[in-house]
Amino acid sequence: MNSFPQLPGEPADSFEQLLLHRDFGPSRQFSQTADVVGCSESTLRRRAEEWNWIERLEAYDSDVLQKVSEARTTEDLA
């Protein structure tokens, strides 16, 4: 799987929040993450826009689903 790097200039707290948000999976909601990290949903949305969370998470989710699909195909062939 591709690494999930912190972007140059991205604050550590923002990146940590992104990782927590990422780990909720494809059905993630900003309200879930806000509850866990203790900040407002609007703060997370601003950070998401500033640091391209949506695009980064779409690429991550796609990569994860591809790996799962490949693993299932390998299992089926075995």
PDB file of N, CA and C in Angstrom:
ATOM      1  N   MET A   1       0.849  -1.181   0.000  1.00  0.00           N
ATOM      2  CA  MET A   1       0.000   0.000   0.000  1.00  0.00           C
ATOM      3  C   MET A   1       0.886   1.232   0.000  1.00  0.00           C
ATOM      4  N   ASN A   2       0.439   2.243  -0.685  1.00  0.00           N
ATOM      5  CA  ASN A   2       1.184   3.488  -0.681  1.00  0.00           C
ATOM      6  C   ASN A   2       1.234   4.043   0.738  1.00  0.00           C
ATOM      7  N   SER A   3       2.324   4.705   1.052  1.00  0.00           N
ATOM      8  CA  SER A   3       2.403   5.339   2.359  1.00  0.00           C
ATOM      9  C   SER A   3       1.402   6.485   2.408  1.00  0.00           C
ATOM     10  N   PHE A   4       1.160   6.937   3.586  1.00  0.00           N
ATOM     11  CA  PHE A   4       0.211   8.035   3.779  1.00  0.00           C
ATOM     12  C   PHE A   4       0.978   9.163   4.444  1.00  0.00           C
ATOM     13  N   PRO A   5       1.758   9.902   3.651  1.00  0.00           N
ATOM     14  CA  PRO A   5       2.692  10.872   4.226  1.00  0.00           C
ATOM     15  C   PRO A   5       2.024  12.177   4.681  1.00  0.00           C
ATOM     16  N   GLN A   6       2.692  12.789   5.612  1.00  0.00           N
ATOM     17  CA  GLN A   6       2.322  14.141   6.029  1.00  0.00           C
ATOM     18  C   GLN A   6       2.832  15.082   4.943  1.00  0.00           C
ATOM     19  N   LEU A   7       2.001  16.046   4.557  1.00  0.00           N
ATOM     20  CA  LEU A   7       2.402  16.977   3.524  1.00  0.00           C
ATOM     21  C   LEU A   7       3.374  18.009   4.085  1.00  0.00           C
ATOM     22  N   PRO A   8       4.259  18.524   3.245  1.00  0.00           N
ATOM     23  CA  PRO A   8       5.169  19.577   3.702  1.00  0.00           C
ATOM     24  C   PRO A   8       4.362  20.762   4.235  1.00  0.00           C
ATOM     25  N   GLY A   9       4.707  21.194   5.427  1.00  0.00           N
ATOM     26  CA  GLY A   9       4.028  22.328   6.039  1.00  0.00           C
ATOM     27  C   GLY A   9       2.756  21.973   6.797  1.00  0.00           C
ATOM     28  N   GLU A  10       2.294  20.740   6.665  1.00  0.00           N
ATOM     29  CA  GLU A  10       1.069  20.322   7.356  1.00  0.00           C
ATOM     30  C   GLU A  10       1.361  20.188   8.850  1.00  0.00           C
ATOM     31  N   PRO A  11       0.619  20.898   9.684  1.00  0.00           N
ATOM     32  CA  PRO A  11       0.865  20.815  11.127  1.00  0.00           C
ATOM     33  C   PRO A  11       0.643  19.402  11.657  1.00  0.00           C
ATOM     34  N   ALA A  12       1.428  19.021  12.644  1.00  0.00           N
ATOM     35  CA  ALA A  12       1.348  17.673  13.212  1.00  0.00           C
ATOM     36  C   ALA A  12      -0.042  17.379  13.760  1.00  0.00           C
ATOM     37  N   ASP A  13      -0.676  18.344  14.414  1.00  0.00           N
ATOM     38  CA  ASP A  13      -2.003  18.076  14.980  1.00  0.00           C
ATOM     39  C   ASP A  13      -3.038  17.861  13.884  1.00  0.00           C
ATOM     40  N   SER A  14      -2.919  18.580  12.797  1.00  0.00           N
ATOM     41  CA  SER A  14      -3.829  18.397  11.668  1.00  0.00           C
ATOM     42  C   SER A  14      -3.633  17.013  11.049  1.00  0.00           C
ATOM     43  N   PHE A  15      -2.381  16.609  10.891  1.00  0.00           N
ATOM     44  CA  PHE A  15      -2.095  15.298  10.316  1.00  0.00           C
ATOM     45  C   PHE A  15      -2.601  14.184  11.223  1.00  0.00           C
ATOM     46  N   GLU A  16      -2.417  14.336  12.525  1.00  0.00           N
ATOM     47  CA  GLU A  16      -2.911  13.343  13.478  1.00  0.00           C
ATOM     48  C   GLU A  16      -4.437  13.218  13.377  1.00  0.00           C
ATOM     49  N   GLN A  17      -5.116  14.341  13.244  1.00  0.00           N
ATOM     50  CA  GLN A  17      -6.570  14.316  13.093  1.00  0.00           C
ATOM     51  C   GLN A  17      -6.971  13.641  11.788  1.00  0.00           C
ATOM     52  N   LEU A  18      -6.214  13.885  10.737  1.00  0.00           N
ATOM     53  CA  LEU A  18      -6.474  13.221   9.464  1.00  0.00           C
ATOM     54  C   LEU A  18      -6.342  11.707   9.612  1.00  0.00           C
ATOM     55  N   LEU A  19      -5.306  11.252  10.285  1.00  0.00           N
ATOM     56  CA  LEU A  19      -5.114   9.814  10.468  1.00  0.00           C
ATOM     57  C   LEU A  19      -6.263   9.193  11.252  1.00  0.00           C
ATOM     58  N   LEU A  20      -6.729   9.875  12.282  1.00  0.00           N
ATOM     59  CA  LEU A  20      -7.872   9.378  13.045  1.00  0.00           C
ATOM     60  C   LEU A  20      -9.115   9.339  12.166  1.00  0.00           C
ATOM     61  N   HIS A  21      -9.303  10.382  11.379  1.00  0.00           N
ATOM     62  CA  HIS A  21     -10.449  10.449  10.468  1.00  0.00           C
ATOM     63  C   HIS A  21     -10.363   9.320   9.440  1.00  0.00           C
ATOM     64  N   ARG A  22      -9.184   9.106   8.908  1.00  0.00           N
ATOM     65  CA  ARG A  22      -8.951   8.041   7.930  1.00  0.00           C
ATOM     66  C   ARG A  22      -9.369   6.681   8.479  1.00  0.00           C
ATOM     67  N   ASP A  23      -9.031   6.443   9.737  1.00  0.00           N
ATOM     68  CA  ASP A  23      -9.250   5.130  10.333  1.00  0.00           C
ATOM     69  C   ASP A  23     -10.722   4.800  10.585  1.00  0.00           C
ATOM     70  N   PHE A  24     -11.614   5.757  10.417  1.00  0.00           N
ATOM     71  CA  PHE A  24     -13.044   5.461  10.506  1.00  0.00           C
ATOM     72  C   PHE A  24     -13.543   4.740   9.257  1.00  0.00           C
ATOM     73  N   GLY A  25     -12.733   4.677   8.218  1.00  0.00           N
ATOM     74  CA  GLY A  25     -13.108   3.949   7.006  1.00  0.00           C
ATOM     75  C   GLY A  25     -13.912   4.805   6.046  1.00  0.00           C
ATOM     76  N   PRO A  26     -14.293   4.221   4.917  1.00  0.00           N
ATOM     77  CA  PRO A  26     -14.954   4.971   3.852  1.00  0.00           C
ATOM     78  C   PRO A  26     -16.262   5.664   4.257  1.00  0.00           C
ATOM     79  N   SER A  27     -16.911   5.196   5.314  1.00  0.00           N
ATOM     80  CA  SER A  27     -18.162   5.842   5.737  1.00  0.00           C
ATOM     81  C   SER A  27     -17.917   6.911   6.804  1.00  0.00           C
ATOM     82  N   ARG A  28     -16.670   7.329   6.943  1.00  0.00           N
ATOM     83  CA  ARG A  28     -16.281   8.304   7.968  1.00  0.00           C
ATOM     84  C   ARG A  28     -17.108   9.586   7.890  1.00  0.00           C
ATOM     85  N   GLN A  29     -17.318  10.175   9.042  1.00  0.00           N
ATOM     86  CA  GLN A  29     -18.039  11.447   9.138  1.00  0.00           C
ATOM     87  C   GLN A  29     -17.206  12.410   9.990  1.00  0.00           C
ATOM     88  N   PHE A  30     -17.230  13.678   9.627  1.00  0.00           N
ATOM     89  CA  PHE A  30     -16.485  14.661  10.409  1.00  0.00           C
ATOM     90  C   PHE A  30     -16.987  14.725  11.848  1.00  0.00           C
ATOM     91  N   SER A  31     -18.273  14.484  12.056  1.00  0.00           N
ATOM     92  CA  SER A  31     -18.817  14.527  13.418  1.00  0.00           C
ATOM     93  C   SER A  31     -18.184  13.443  14.293  1.00  0.00           C
ATOM     94  N   GLN A  32     -17.927  12.259  13.735  1.00  0.00           N
ATOM     95  CA  GLN A  32     -17.268  11.182  14.492  1.00  0.00           C
ATOM     96  C   GLN A  32     -15.883  11.625  14.946  1.00  0.00           C
ATOM     97  N   THR A  33     -15.132  12.144  14.006  1.00  0.00           N
ATOM     98  CA  THR A  33     -13.763  12.546  14.288  1.00  0.00           C
ATOM     99  C   THR A  33     -13.735  13.705  15.273  1.00  0.00           C
ATOM    100  N   ALA A  34     -14.647  14.651  15.114  1.00  0.00           N
ATOM    101  CA  ALA A  34     -14.709  15.795  16.027  1.00  0.00           C
ATOM    102  C   ALA A  34     -14.941  15.326  17.459  1.00  0.00           C
ATOM    103  N   ASP A  35     -15.811  14.342  17.641  1.00  0.00           N
ATOM    104  CA  ASP A  35     -16.063  13.809  18.978  1.00  0.00           C
ATOM    105  C   ASP A  35     -14.799  13.204  19.585  1.00  0.00           C
ATOM    106  N   VAL A  36     -14.033  12.484  18.773  1.00  0.00           N
ATOM    107  CA  VAL A  36     -12.833  11.802  19.267  1.00  0.00           C
ATOM    108  C   VAL A  36     -11.722  12.798  19.580  1.00  0.00           C
ATOM    109  N   VAL A  37     -11.499  13.754  18.685  1.00  0.00           N
ATOM    110  CA  VAL A  37     -10.359  14.665  18.865  1.00  0.00           C
ATOM    111  C   VAL A  37     -10.697  15.877  19.725  1.00  0.00           C
ATOM    112  N   GLY A  38     -11.976  16.102  19.973  1.00  0.00           N
ATOM    113  CA  GLY A  38     -12.364  17.192  20.857  1.00  0.00           C
ATOM    114  C   GLY A  38     -12.280  18.570  20.235  1.00  0.00           C
ATOM    115  N   CYS A  39     -12.565  18.659  18.959  1.00  0.00           N
ATOM    116  CA  CYS A  39     -12.632  19.967  18.319  1.00  0.00           C
ATOM    117  C   CYS A  39     -13.933  20.046  17.529  1.00  0.00           C
ATOM    118  N   SER A  40     -14.199  21.193  16.971  1.00  0.00           N
ATOM    119  CA  SER A  40     -15.454  21.363  16.244  1.00  0.00           C
ATOM    120  C   SER A  40     -15.379  20.733  14.855  1.00  0.00           C
ATOM    121  N   GLU A  41     -16.532  20.370  14.373  1.00  0.00           N
ATOM    122  CA  GLU A  41     -16.641  19.831  13.022  1.00  0.00           C
ATOM    123  C   GLU A  41     -16.181  20.871  12.001  1.00  0.00           C
ATOM    124  N   SER A  42     -16.494  22.137  12.257  1.00  0.00           N
ATOM    125  CA  SER A  42     -16.100  23.189  11.311  1.00  0.00           C
ATOM    126  C   SER A  42     -14.575  23.328  11.239  1.00  0.00           C
ATOM    127  N   THR A  43     -13.892  23.133  12.363  1.00  0.00           N
ATOM    128  CA  THR A  43     -12.427  23.172  12.349  1.00  0.00           C
ATOM    129  C   THR A  43     -11.880  22.051  11.479  1.00  0.00           C
ATOM    130  N   LEU A  44     -12.437  20.855  11.628  1.00  0.00           N
ATOM    131  CA  LEU A  44     -11.984  19.732  10.805  1.00  0.00           C
ATOM    132  C   LEU A  44     -12.268  19.975   9.333  1.00  0.00           C
ATOM    133  N   ARG A  45     -13.415  20.539   9.036  1.00  0.00           N
ATOM    134  CA  ARG A  45     -13.753  20.818   7.635  1.00  0.00           C
ATOM    135  C   ARG A  45     -12.782  21.840   7.028  1.00  0.00           C
ATOM    136  N   ARG A  46     -12.410  22.838   7.798  1.00  0.00           N
ATOM    137  CA  ARG A  46     -11.430  23.829   7.314  1.00  0.00           C
ATOM    138  C   ARG A  46     -10.082  23.155   7.051  1.00  0.00           C
ATOM    139  N   ARG A  47      -9.666  22.316   7.983  1.00  0.00           N
ATOM    140  CA  ARG A  47      -8.397  21.607   7.793  1.00  0.00           C
ATOM    141  C   ARG A  47      -8.470  20.659   6.603  1.00  0.00           C
ATOM    142  N   ALA A  48      -9.589  20.004   6.457  1.00  0.00           N
ATOM    143  CA  ALA A  48      -9.774  19.088   5.329  1.00  0.00           C
ATOM    144  C   ALA A  48      -9.634  19.823   4.005  1.00  0.00           C
ATOM    145  N   GLU A  49     -10.210  20.996   3.943  1.00  0.00           N
ATOM    146  CA  GLU A  49     -10.123  21.780   2.708  1.00  0.00           C
ATOM    147  C   GLU A  49      -8.698  22.273   2.482  1.00  0.00           C
ATOM    148  N   GLU A  50      -8.077  22.771   3.526  1.00  0.00           N
ATOM    149  CA  GLU A  50      -6.729  23.325   3.396  1.00  0.00           C
ATOM    150  C   GLU A  50      -5.692  22.263   3.014  1.00  0.00           C
ATOM    151  N   TRP A  51      -5.859  21.046   3.533  1.00  0.00           N
ATOM    152  CA  TRP A  51      -4.854  20.004   3.344  1.00  0.00           C
ATOM    153  C   TRP A  51      -5.335  18.855   2.460  1.00  0.00           C
ATOM    154  N   ASN A  52      -6.386  19.092   1.694  1.00  0.00           N
ATOM    155  CA  ASN A  52      -6.858  18.122   0.686  1.00  0.00           C
ATOM    156  C   ASN A  52      -7.175  16.743   1.261  1.00  0.00           C
ATOM    157  N   TRP A  53      -7.831  16.722   2.394  1.00  0.00           N
ATOM    158  CA  TRP A  53      -8.150  15.445   3.020  1.00  0.00           C
ATOM    159  C   TRP A  53      -9.006  14.577   2.116  1.00  0.00           C
ATOM    160  N   ILE A  54      -9.994  15.161   1.486  1.00  0.00           N
ATOM    161  CA  ILE A  54     -10.939  14.362   0.691  1.00  0.00           C
ATOM    162  C   ILE A  54     -10.202  13.604  -0.408  1.00  0.00           C
ATOM    163  N   GLU A  55      -9.375  14.296  -1.159  1.00  0.00           N
ATOM    164  CA  GLU A  55      -8.644  13.657  -2.248  1.00  0.00           C
ATOM    165  C   GLU A  55      -7.672  12.611  -1.720  1.00  0.00           C
ATOM    166  N   ARG A  56      -6.992  12.927  -0.638  1.00  0.00           N
ATOM    167  CA  ARG A  56      -6.027  11.998  -0.055  1.00  0.00           C
ATOM    168  C   ARG A  56      -6.735  10.746   0.463  1.00  0.00           C
ATOM    169  N   LEU A  57      -7.882  10.935   1.085  1.00  0.00           N
ATOM    170  CA  LEU A  57      -8.620   9.797   1.627  1.00  0.00           C
ATOM    171  C   LEU A  57      -9.251   8.954   0.521  1.00  0.00           C
ATOM    172  N   GLU A  58      -9.700   9.592  -0.547  1.00  0.00           N
ATOM    173  CA  GLU A  58     -10.237   8.825  -1.677  1.00  0.00           C
ATOM    174  C   GLU A  58      -9.153   7.934  -2.270  1.00  0.00           C
ATOM    175  N   ALA A  59      -7.954   8.471  -2.416  1.00  0.00           N
ATOM    176  CA  ALA A  59      -6.842   7.679  -2.944  1.00  0.00           C
ATOM    177  C   ALA A  59      -6.492   6.545  -1.985  1.00  0.00           C
ATOM    178  N   TYR A  60      -6.489   6.833  -0.695  1.00  0.00           N
ATOM    179  CA  TYR A  60      -6.199   5.808   0.311  1.00  0.00           C
ATOM    180  C   TYR A  60      -7.242   4.700   0.267  1.00  0.00           C
ATOM    181  N   ASP A  61      -8.523   5.083   0.284  1.00  0.00           N
ATOM    182  CA  ASP A  61      -9.609   4.095   0.261  1.00  0.00           C
ATOM    183  C   ASP A  61      -9.536   3.227  -0.991  1.00  0.00           C
ATOM    184  N   SER A  62      -9.264   3.837  -2.110  1.00  0.00           N
ATOM    185  CA  SER A  62      -9.152   3.102  -3.363  1.00  0.00           C
ATOM    186  C   SER A  62      -8.020   2.090  -3.287  1.00  0.00           C
ATOM    187  N   ASP A  63      -6.899   2.508  -2.731  1.00  0.00           N
ATOM    188  CA  ASP A  63      -5.749   1.620  -2.604  1.00  0.00           C
ATOM    189  C   ASP A  63      -6.071   0.449  -1.675  1.00  0.00           C
ATOM    190  N   VAL A  64      -6.729   0.718  -0.564  1.00  0.00           N
ATOM    191  CA  VAL A  64      -7.098  -0.339   0.380  1.00  0.00           C
ATOM    192  C   VAL A  64      -8.048  -1.333  -0.293  1.00  0.00           C
ATOM    193  N   LEU A  65      -9.055  -0.826  -0.979  1.00  0.00           N
ATOM    194  CA  LEU A  65     -10.010  -1.712  -1.646  1.00  0.00           C
ATOM    195  C   LEU A  65      -9.342  -2.549  -2.724  1.00  0.00           C
ATOM    196  N   GLN A  66      -8.394  -1.974  -3.436  1.00  0.00           N
ATOM    197  CA  GLN A  66      -7.649  -2.715  -4.453  1.00  0.00           C
ATOM    198  C   GLN A  66      -6.864  -3.853  -3.811  1.00  0.00           C
ATOM    199  N   LYS A  67      -6.206  -3.573  -2.690  1.00  0.00           N
ATOM    200  CA  LYS A  67      -5.427  -4.607  -2.000  1.00  0.00           C
ATOM    201  C   LYS A  67      -6.335  -5.723  -1.499  1.00  0.00           C
ATOM    202  N   VAL A  68      -7.501  -5.377  -0.980  1.00  0.00           N
ATOM    203  CA  VAL A  68      -8.456  -6.382  -0.506  1.00  0.00           C
ATOM    204  C   VAL A  68      -8.916  -7.246  -1.676  1.00  0.00           C
ATOM    205  N   SER A  69      -9.215  -6.616  -2.789  1.00  0.00           N
ATOM    206  CA  SER A  69      -9.653  -7.346  -3.973  1.00  0.00           C
ATOM    207  C   SER A  69      -8.567  -8.295  -4.465  1.00  0.00           C
ATOM    208  N   GLU A  70      -7.337  -7.829  -4.496  1.00  0.00           N
ATOM    209  CA  GLU A  70      -6.222  -8.669  -4.926  1.00  0.00           C
ATOM    210  C   GLU A  70      -6.033  -9.850  -3.977  1.00  0.00           C
ATOM    211  N   ALA A  71      -6.171  -9.606  -2.687  1.00  0.00           N
ATOM    212  CA  ALA A  71      -6.018 -10.676  -1.700  1.00  0.00           C
ATOM    213  C   ALA A  71      -7.106 -11.727  -1.876  1.00  0.00           C
ATOM    214  N   ARG A  72      -8.334 -11.289  -2.137  1.00  0.00           N
ATOM    215  CA  ARG A  72      -9.426 -12.236  -2.342  1.00  0.00           C
ATOM    216  C   ARG A  72      -9.196 -13.066  -3.603  1.00  0.00           C
ATOM    217  N   THR A  73      -8.717 -12.434  -4.649  1.00  0.00           N
ATOM    218  CA  THR A  73      -8.457 -13.152  -5.897  1.00  0.00           C
ATOM    219  C   THR A  73      -7.363 -14.195  -5.671  1.00  0.00           C
ATOM    220  N   THR A  74      -6.324 -13.824  -4.960  1.00  0.00           N
ATOM    221  CA  THR A  74      -5.239 -14.759  -4.664  1.00  0.00           C
ATOM    222  C   THR A  74      -5.749 -15.928  -3.841  1.00  0.00           C
ATOM    223  N   GLU A  75      -6.601 -15.627  -2.843  1.00  0.00           N
ATOM    224  CA  GLU A  75      -7.198 -16.688  -2.017  1.00  0.00           C
ATOM    225  C   GLU A  75      -8.057 -17.628  -2.865  1.00  0.00           C
ATOM    226  N   ASP A  76      -8.852 -17.058  -3.749  1.00  0.00           N
ATOM    227  CA  ASP A  76      -9.737 -17.860  -4.604  1.00  0.00           C
ATOM    228  C   ASP A  76      -8.943 -18.764  -5.531  1.00  0.00           C
ATOM    229  N   LEU A  77      -7.793 -18.299  -5.990  1.00  0.00           N
ATOM    230  CA  LEU A  77      -6.984 -19.088  -6.906  1.00  0.00           C
ATOM    231  C   LEU A  77      -6.219 -20.206  -6.190  1.00  0.00           C
ATOM    232  N   ALA A  78      -6.028 -20.056  -4.902  1.00  0.00           N
ATOM    233  CA  ALA A  78      -5.222 -21.032  -4.142  1.00  0.00           C
ATOM    234  C   ALA A  78      -5.964 -22.304  -3.844  1.00  0.00           C
TER     235      ALA A  78
END
